[in-house]
Amino acid sequence: MVIKADRQDLRGQVPALLALCQRAGAAICEHYAHPSAGEFESKGDDSPLTRADLASHAILSEGLGAMDESLPLLSEESTPGEIAGRQQWPRYWLVDPLDGTKEFLGRTGEFTINVALIENHCPVLGVLYRPLDDLAYVGIPGQSAKRYHLIEGEGWTDSPLATRPLSDSHELLVLASQRHRDDRLLSCLEWLESSWGPVARGNMGSALKFCVMAEGEGDFYPRFAPCCEWDTAAGHAILEAAGGALLGLDGKPLRYNMGESLYSPPFYAVADAAHPLWHALLDAPFNSH
């Protein structure tokens, strides 16, 4: 059965999602300020798991279930039993309770809560919340993208988001993780410099790169290193709603929950999706590796 999302209804869910993310963010901040914040366990893939991850997962799981008990949840911290049969889910929540756990442990502050609603393999709503700053980025593709700021005594204020067109009037800003500098990334940067000219680098962790692009301050985020679907889905929705695109190396938008693996393929996030530079990049030789 195919379920069609009501985009007006999605917009009506935003206040509840903001309140829920604020609650989960407060729990994360409580752990962040605790002397034991650096304690963690290693999961099967050697990625760290902290008390903050688990606290945020518990709050989000309960809260999203209360909003709509018919929608299943796929979280980074879900058990195999909880997501059994996930490939048959036409509509579900896709969540990373603490994206940027290594940044959390490194005390950089560059971590987020990621919440996306997936319908028929596409993100139809995304929320990225920055707990330390009480900032939220919300996107409903085809409808609106907004940044929300929680101000004490005033509640949430909002402002529109929009990506910027690629222009000779500004330096091309490439966003890339500080931890991932493999040969394909270097080849990509060399190609850009030869095809466009000098490029600026902006290094930051977690899904904040999507936020920067949605705010009109970045142009390109290439990712060749492994990451999972819960790392990209919320940012994908926000970037698309703000005017950008998240593309696989085949030039098609990423799709979710399509196979046995929950790893995302290599991708390009672009602010000005119609610019011919990106079409030429997709044809570059290193993309066929």
Protein backbone atom coordinates (compact mmCIF):
# COMPACT_ATOMS: atom_id res chain seq x y z
CA MET A 1 0.00 0.00 0.00
CA VAL A 2 1.33 3.45 -0.92
CA ILE A 3 0.74 6.20 1.61
CA LYS A 4 0.79 9.75 0.28
CA ALA A 5 2.00 12.40 2.71
CA ASP A 6 -0.11 15.50 3.23
CA ARG A 7 2.46 18.33 3.08
CA GLN A 8 0.12 20.67 4.95
CA ASP A 9 -0.08 18.06 7.70
CA LEU A 10 3.72 17.85 7.74
CA ARG A 11 3.99 21.56 8.34
CA GLY A 12 1.60 21.18 11.24
CA GLN A 13 3.95 18.64 12.86
CA VAL A 14 6.88 21.04 13.02
CA PRO A 15 6.07 22.59 16.45
CA ALA A 16 5.88 19.14 18.07
CA LEU A 17 9.13 18.08 16.40
CA LEU A 18 10.90 21.22 17.59
CA ALA A 19 9.74 20.64 21.16
CA LEU A 20 10.80 17.00 20.99
CA CYS A 21 14.26 17.81 19.63
CA GLN A 22 14.68 20.47 22.31
CA ARG A 23 13.94 17.86 24.99
CA ALA A 24 16.38 15.37 23.51
CA GLY A 25 18.94 18.15 23.06
CA ALA A 26 18.62 19.15 26.71
CA ALA A 27 19.40 15.57 27.70
CA ILE A 28 22.46 15.57 25.44
CA CYS A 29 23.67 18.87 26.91
CA GLU A 30 23.26 17.50 30.43
CA HIS A 31 25.59 14.64 29.55
CA TYR A 32 27.93 16.97 27.65
CA ALA A 33 28.46 19.02 30.80
CA HIS A 34 28.97 15.96 33.02
CA PRO A 35 32.49 14.88 34.06
CA SER A 36 31.82 11.44 32.51
CA ALA A 37 30.99 12.91 29.08
CA GLY A 38 34.05 11.25 27.56
CA GLU A 39 32.99 7.74 28.53
CA PHE A 40 31.73 5.50 25.72
CA GLU A 41 31.38 1.95 24.48
CA SER A 42 32.47 0.68 21.07
CA LYS A 43 29.74 -0.74 18.85
CA GLY A 44 30.25 -3.56 16.37
CA ASP A 45 31.58 -1.18 13.72
CA ASP A 46 33.98 0.41 16.27
CA SER A 47 31.95 3.64 16.34
CA PRO A 48 31.45 5.13 19.82
CA LEU A 49 28.21 4.92 21.82
CA THR A 50 27.71 7.34 24.72
CA ARG A 51 25.07 7.77 27.41
CA ALA A 52 23.97 10.87 25.51
CA ASP A 53 23.21 8.77 22.39
CA LEU A 54 21.02 6.44 24.41
CA ALA A 55 19.23 9.21 26.33
CA SER A 56 18.40 11.07 23.12
CA HIS A 57 17.23 7.87 21.43
CA ALA A 58 14.87 7.07 24.30
CA ILE A 59 13.29 10.54 24.24
CA LEU A 60 12.92 10.63 20.45
CA SER A 61 11.55 7.10 20.27
CA GLU A 62 8.88 7.81 22.87
CA GLY A 63 8.01 11.22 21.45
CA LEU A 64 7.75 10.19 17.81
CA GLY A 65 5.64 7.20 18.82
CA ALA A 66 3.28 9.50 20.70
CA MET A 67 2.95 11.75 17.64
CA ASP A 68 1.91 8.87 15.38
CA GLU A 69 1.99 5.34 16.75
CA SER A 70 1.43 3.89 13.27
CA LEU A 71 4.84 5.06 12.02
CA PRO A 72 7.84 2.81 12.72
CA LEU A 73 11.20 4.18 13.78
CA LEU A 74 14.60 3.39 12.32
CA SER A 75 17.26 4.87 14.57
CA GLU A 76 21.00 4.40 14.70
CA GLU A 77 20.39 2.91 18.13
CA SER A 78 17.51 0.60 17.09
CA THR A 79 17.95 -3.12 17.68
CA PRO A 80 17.74 -5.59 14.77
CA GLY A 81 14.42 -6.82 16.13
CA GLU A 82 12.96 -3.32 16.18
CA ILE A 83 13.68 -2.77 12.48
CA ALA A 84 12.86 -6.26 11.20
CA GLY A 85 10.93 -5.98 7.94
CA ARG A 86 12.03 -2.35 7.46
CA GLN A 87 12.27 -2.71 3.67
CA GLN A 88 8.49 -3.11 3.56
CA TRP A 89 7.89 0.16 5.40
CA PRO A 90 6.34 2.73 3.01
CA ARG A 91 6.66 5.53 5.57
CA TYR A 92 8.82 5.76 8.69
CA TRP A 93 10.98 7.98 10.87
CA LEU A 94 14.73 7.84 10.23
CA VAL A 95 16.72 9.20 13.17
CA ASP A 96 20.26 9.76 14.38
CA PRO A 97 19.86 10.68 18.07
CA LEU A 98 23.38 12.16 18.18
CA ASP A 99 25.09 12.75 14.86
CA GLY A 100 28.73 13.59 15.45
CA THR A 101 29.43 11.43 18.50
CA LYS A 102 33.16 11.79 17.84
CA GLU A 103 32.69 15.57 17.83
CA PHE A 104 30.77 15.23 21.11
CA LEU A 105 33.66 13.29 22.61
CA GLY A 106 36.18 15.72 21.13
CA ARG A 107 34.35 18.65 22.77
CA THR A 108 34.04 20.57 19.49
CA GLY A 109 30.32 21.23 19.86
CA GLU A 110 29.76 20.18 16.24
CA PHE A 111 26.98 17.64 16.73
CA THR A 112 23.30 17.50 15.86
CA ILE A 113 20.07 15.56 16.27
CA ASN A 114 18.81 14.31 12.90
CA VAL A 115 15.14 13.46 12.33
CA ALA A 116 13.69 12.67 8.90
CA LEU A 117 10.37 11.34 7.68
CA ILE A 118 10.85 8.94 4.77
CA GLU A 119 8.05 8.19 2.33
CA ASN A 120 8.46 5.76 -0.55
CA HIS A 121 12.28 5.91 -0.17
CA CYS A 122 12.45 9.74 -0.24
CA PRO A 123 12.83 12.24 2.64
CA VAL A 124 9.69 14.39 2.81
CA LEU A 125 10.57 16.23 6.02
CA GLY A 126 13.86 16.83 7.80
CA VAL A 127 14.92 18.42 11.08
CA LEU A 128 18.52 19.09 12.13
CA TYR A 129 18.82 20.41 15.69
CA ARG A 130 21.95 21.92 17.24
CA PRO A 131 21.55 21.32 21.00
CA LEU A 132 24.23 23.72 22.22
CA ASP A 133 22.77 26.63 20.24
CA ASP A 134 19.01 25.93 20.41
CA LEU A 135 18.96 26.14 16.61
CA ALA A 136 16.85 23.96 14.33
CA TYR A 137 16.81 23.64 10.55
CA VAL A 138 13.60 22.29 9.05
CA GLY A 139 12.88 21.40 5.44
CA ILE A 140 9.81 20.09 3.61
CA PRO A 141 10.90 19.61 -0.02
CA GLY A 142 8.65 21.44 -2.45
CA GLN A 143 7.25 23.63 0.29
CA SER A 144 9.60 25.45 2.67
CA ALA A 145 12.94 25.53 4.45
CA LYS A 146 13.37 27.49 7.68
CA ARG A 147 15.79 28.05 10.50
CA TYR A 148 14.30 28.22 14.00
CA HIS A 149 15.96 29.76 17.05
CA LEU A 150 14.65 29.15 20.54
CA ILE A 151 14.86 32.40 22.53
CA GLU A 152 14.23 32.26 26.25
CA GLY A 153 11.00 34.01 27.12
CA GLU A 154 9.97 34.39 23.47
CA GLY A 155 9.78 30.86 22.09
CA TRP A 156 10.77 29.88 18.58
CA THR A 157 11.54 32.54 15.98
CA ASP A 158 12.01 31.54 12.34
CA SER A 159 13.62 32.78 9.15
CA PRO A 160 13.63 31.35 5.61
CA LEU A 161 16.52 29.33 4.21
CA ALA A 162 17.77 29.41 0.63
CA THR A 163 20.88 28.10 -1.08
CA ARG A 164 22.96 30.52 -3.11
CA PRO A 165 23.58 30.36 -6.88
CA LEU A 166 27.10 29.51 -7.95
CA SER A 167 28.67 32.70 -9.26
CA ASP A 168 32.02 34.15 -10.27
CA SER A 169 31.34 36.87 -7.72
CA HIS A 170 32.17 34.58 -4.80
CA GLU A 171 34.81 31.93 -4.16
CA LEU A 172 33.54 28.37 -4.45
CA LEU A 173 33.33 27.00 -0.91
CA VAL A 174 33.78 23.24 -0.53
CA LEU A 175 32.69 21.69 2.76
CA ALA A 176 34.47 18.50 3.75
CA SER A 177 34.99 16.61 6.97
CA GLN A 178 38.27 17.12 8.76
CA ARG A 179 38.52 13.35 9.23
CA HIS A 180 38.06 12.23 5.61
CA ARG A 181 40.74 13.19 3.09
CA ASP A 182 41.07 10.21 0.79
CA ASP A 183 42.46 10.06 -2.74
CA ARG A 184 39.05 10.49 -4.40
CA LEU A 185 38.38 13.65 -2.43
CA LEU A 186 41.77 15.03 -3.44
CA SER A 187 41.05 14.14 -7.09
CA CYS A 188 37.69 15.89 -6.83
CA LEU A 189 39.27 19.05 -5.40
CA GLU A 190 41.98 19.03 -8.08
CA TRP A 191 39.31 18.70 -10.78
CA LEU A 192 37.39 21.65 -9.34
CA GLU A 193 40.48 23.82 -9.25
CA SER A 194 41.32 22.99 -12.87
CA SER A 195 37.72 23.45 -14.08
CA TRP A 196 36.58 26.38 -11.94
CA GLY A 197 39.59 27.99 -10.32
CA PRO A 198 40.77 28.37 -6.72
CA VAL A 199 38.39 26.92 -4.14
CA ALA A 200 38.06 27.60 -0.42
CA ARG A 201 37.79 24.81 2.11
CA GLY A 202 35.43 24.77 5.06
CA ASN A 203 35.97 21.92 7.51
CA MET A 204 33.31 20.92 10.03
CA GLY A 205 31.82 17.80 11.52
CA SER A 206 28.52 15.96 11.34
CA ALA A 207 25.47 17.20 9.42
CA LEU A 208 26.28 20.86 9.99
CA LYS A 209 27.55 21.01 6.41
CA PHE A 210 23.95 20.70 5.20
CA CYS A 211 22.95 23.59 7.47
CA VAL A 212 25.69 25.83 6.10
CA MET A 213 24.65 25.13 2.52
CA ALA A 214 20.96 25.69 3.28
CA GLU A 215 21.86 29.06 4.79
CA GLY A 216 23.50 30.11 1.51
CA GLU A 217 27.06 30.03 2.80
CA GLY A 218 28.50 26.93 1.07
CA ASP A 219 28.44 25.49 -2.43
CA PHE A 220 29.54 21.87 -2.42
CA TYR A 221 29.89 18.91 -0.04
CA PRO A 222 31.50 15.79 -1.55
CA ARG A 223 31.43 12.58 0.47
CA PHE A 224 33.29 9.41 -0.50
CA ALA A 225 33.91 7.96 2.98
CA PRO A 226 31.27 5.62 4.45
CA CYS A 227 28.29 7.05 6.28
CA CYS A 228 24.78 5.78 7.00
CA GLU A 229 21.33 6.78 5.83
CA TRP A 230 20.46 8.43 9.15
CA ASP A 231 23.48 10.71 8.63
CA THR A 232 22.10 12.18 5.39
CA ALA A 233 18.29 11.98 5.29
CA ALA A 234 17.37 15.04 7.39
CA GLY A 235 20.03 17.17 5.72
CA HIS A 236 18.89 15.91 2.32
CA ALA A 237 15.33 17.13 2.98
CA ILE A 238 16.53 20.53 4.23
CA LEU A 239 19.00 21.07 1.39
CA GLU A 240 16.42 20.12 -1.25
CA ALA A 241 13.76 22.32 0.36
CA ALA A 242 16.22 25.24 0.35
CA GLY A 243 16.96 24.81 -3.36
CA GLY A 244 19.87 22.36 -3.46
CA ALA A 245 20.25 18.66 -4.19
CA LEU A 246 21.88 15.54 -2.75
CA LEU A 247 23.02 13.33 -5.62
CA GLY A 248 24.69 9.97 -6.01
CA LEU A 249 27.60 9.76 -8.42
CA ASP A 250 25.07 8.66 -11.05
CA GLY A 251 23.47 12.12 -10.83
CA LYS A 252 20.25 10.82 -9.25
CA PRO A 253 18.91 11.87 -5.82
CA LEU A 254 19.72 9.48 -3.00
CA ARG A 255 17.01 7.03 -2.04
CA TYR A 256 16.53 5.30 1.30
CA ASN A 257 15.83 1.82 2.65
CA MET A 258 16.37 0.20 -0.73
CA GLY A 259 18.66 -2.69 0.19
CA GLU A 260 20.12 -4.84 2.93
CA SER A 261 22.74 -2.24 3.86
CA LEU A 262 21.96 1.06 5.56
CA TYR A 263 25.17 2.64 4.28
CA SER A 264 24.78 5.58 1.93
CA PRO A 265 26.67 5.53 -1.37
CA PRO A 266 29.22 8.26 -2.17
CA PHE A 267 27.41 11.51 -2.91
CA TYR A 268 27.64 15.15 -3.90
CA ALA A 269 25.60 17.77 -2.06
CA VAL A 270 25.27 20.87 -4.22
CA ALA A 271 23.69 24.24 -3.51
CA ASP A 272 23.07 25.26 -7.13
CA ALA A 273 21.92 21.99 -8.65
CA ALA A 274 21.29 23.42 -12.12
CA HIS A 275 24.80 24.79 -12.63
CA PRO A 276 26.67 23.06 -15.49
CA LEU A 277 29.80 22.65 -13.34
CA TRP A 278 28.16 19.80 -11.45
CA HIS A 279 27.00 18.05 -14.61
CA ALA A 280 30.58 18.14 -15.87
CA LEU A 281 31.86 16.88 -12.52
CA LEU A 282 29.59 13.83 -12.70
CA ASP A 283 31.33 12.89 -15.96
CA ALA A 284 34.83 13.21 -14.46
CA PRO A 285 36.92 10.01 -14.72
CA PHE A 286 37.37 9.45 -10.98
CA ASN A 287 33.60 9.06 -10.55
CA SER A 288 33.72 5.68 -12.28
CA HIS A 289 36.09 4.15 -9.70
